[in-house]
Amino acid sequence: MLEILSLIRQDGDPRWCRSVPNWERGPWLETLLGYRRARANPRPRIISSHLPVQMFPKAFFGSKAKVWDKKNPK
């Protein structure tokens, strides 16, 4: 999924995917390093997480963020 989102973000140009490691393109939100890296990334950000959806703050769901949940794809 990260590869697909990265390509969409770059209008199909694979150079960014090939030159930037996964952990920089879509850092894990649940680690301190990942959180800091995600905050530093330019918008629109790609953020990865293995946290259950119930652990996200309620404000997150009122935002413009787009979420893909592999257990409940919509």
Protein backbone atom coordinates (compact mmCIF):
# COMPACT_ATOMS: atom_id res chain seq x y z
CA MET A 1 0.00 0.00 0.00
CA LEU A 2 2.86 2.38 0.80
CA GLU A 3 4.28 1.95 -2.71
CA ILE A 4 0.92 2.71 -4.30
CA LEU A 5 0.33 5.79 -2.14
CA SER A 6 3.87 7.00 -2.81
CA LEU A 7 3.33 6.71 -6.56
CA ILE A 8 -0.01 8.52 -6.33
CA ARG A 9 1.62 11.30 -4.31
CA GLN A 10 4.31 11.71 -6.96
CA ASP A 11 1.92 11.51 -9.95
CA GLY A 12 3.26 8.08 -10.95
CA ASP A 13 6.94 9.07 -10.98
CA PRO A 14 8.86 6.17 -9.33
CA ARG A 15 12.07 8.14 -8.66
CA TRP A 16 10.94 9.19 -5.16
CA CYS A 17 9.99 5.59 -4.28
CA ARG A 18 13.37 4.36 -5.45
CA SER A 19 15.41 7.03 -3.68
CA VAL A 20 13.63 7.43 -0.31
CA PRO A 21 13.37 4.46 2.08
CA ASN A 22 9.97 3.24 3.28
CA TRP A 23 10.51 4.42 6.86
CA GLU A 24 10.98 7.99 5.61
CA ARG A 25 8.06 8.00 3.14
CA GLY A 26 5.53 6.43 5.52
CA PRO A 27 6.91 6.42 9.07
CA TRP A 28 5.16 4.43 11.81
CA LEU A 29 3.15 6.73 14.03
CA GLU A 30 3.51 4.56 17.13
CA THR A 31 7.26 5.12 17.48
CA LEU A 32 8.80 8.37 18.71
CA LEU A 33 11.20 8.51 15.77
CA GLY A 34 8.37 7.77 13.34
CA TYR A 35 6.16 10.45 14.92
CA ARG A 36 8.92 13.05 14.64
CA ARG A 37 9.68 12.05 11.06
CA ALA A 38 5.99 12.18 10.12
CA ARG A 39 5.66 15.70 11.58
CA ALA A 40 8.70 16.82 9.58
CA ASN A 41 7.48 15.37 6.27
CA PRO A 42 5.79 17.78 3.87
CA ARG A 43 2.05 17.57 3.36
CA PRO A 44 0.25 15.53 2.23
CA ARG A 45 1.86 13.09 4.63
CA ILE A 46 1.81 9.33 4.40
CA ILE A 47 1.76 7.77 7.85
CA SER A 48 1.80 4.05 8.69
CA SER A 49 0.44 2.51 11.87
CA HIS A 50 -0.45 -0.85 13.33
CA LEU A 51 -2.51 0.71 16.13
CA PRO A 52 -6.14 -0.34 16.37
CA VAL A 53 -8.46 2.33 15.04
CA GLN A 54 -9.98 2.74 18.53
CA MET A 55 -6.68 4.18 19.81
CA PHE A 56 -6.69 7.15 17.44
CA PRO A 57 -7.94 10.43 18.91
CA LYS A 58 -11.51 11.42 18.05
CA ALA A 59 -10.26 14.63 16.42
CA PHE A 60 -8.48 12.50 13.83
CA PHE A 61 -11.79 11.28 12.43
CA GLY A 62 -13.11 14.82 12.06
CA SER A 63 -10.06 15.82 10.02
CA LYS A 64 -9.49 15.62 6.27
CA ALA A 65 -7.21 12.59 6.72
CA LYS A 66 -7.86 9.61 4.50
CA VAL A 67 -7.62 6.23 6.18
CA TRP A 68 -7.28 2.76 4.74
CA ASP A 69 -8.05 -0.02 7.19
CA LYS A 70 -7.20 -3.42 5.74
CA LYS A 71 -9.65 -5.09 8.14
CA ASN A 72 -12.50 -2.84 7.01
CA PRO A 73 -11.70 -1.55 3.51
CA LYS A 74 -14.28 0.89 2.17
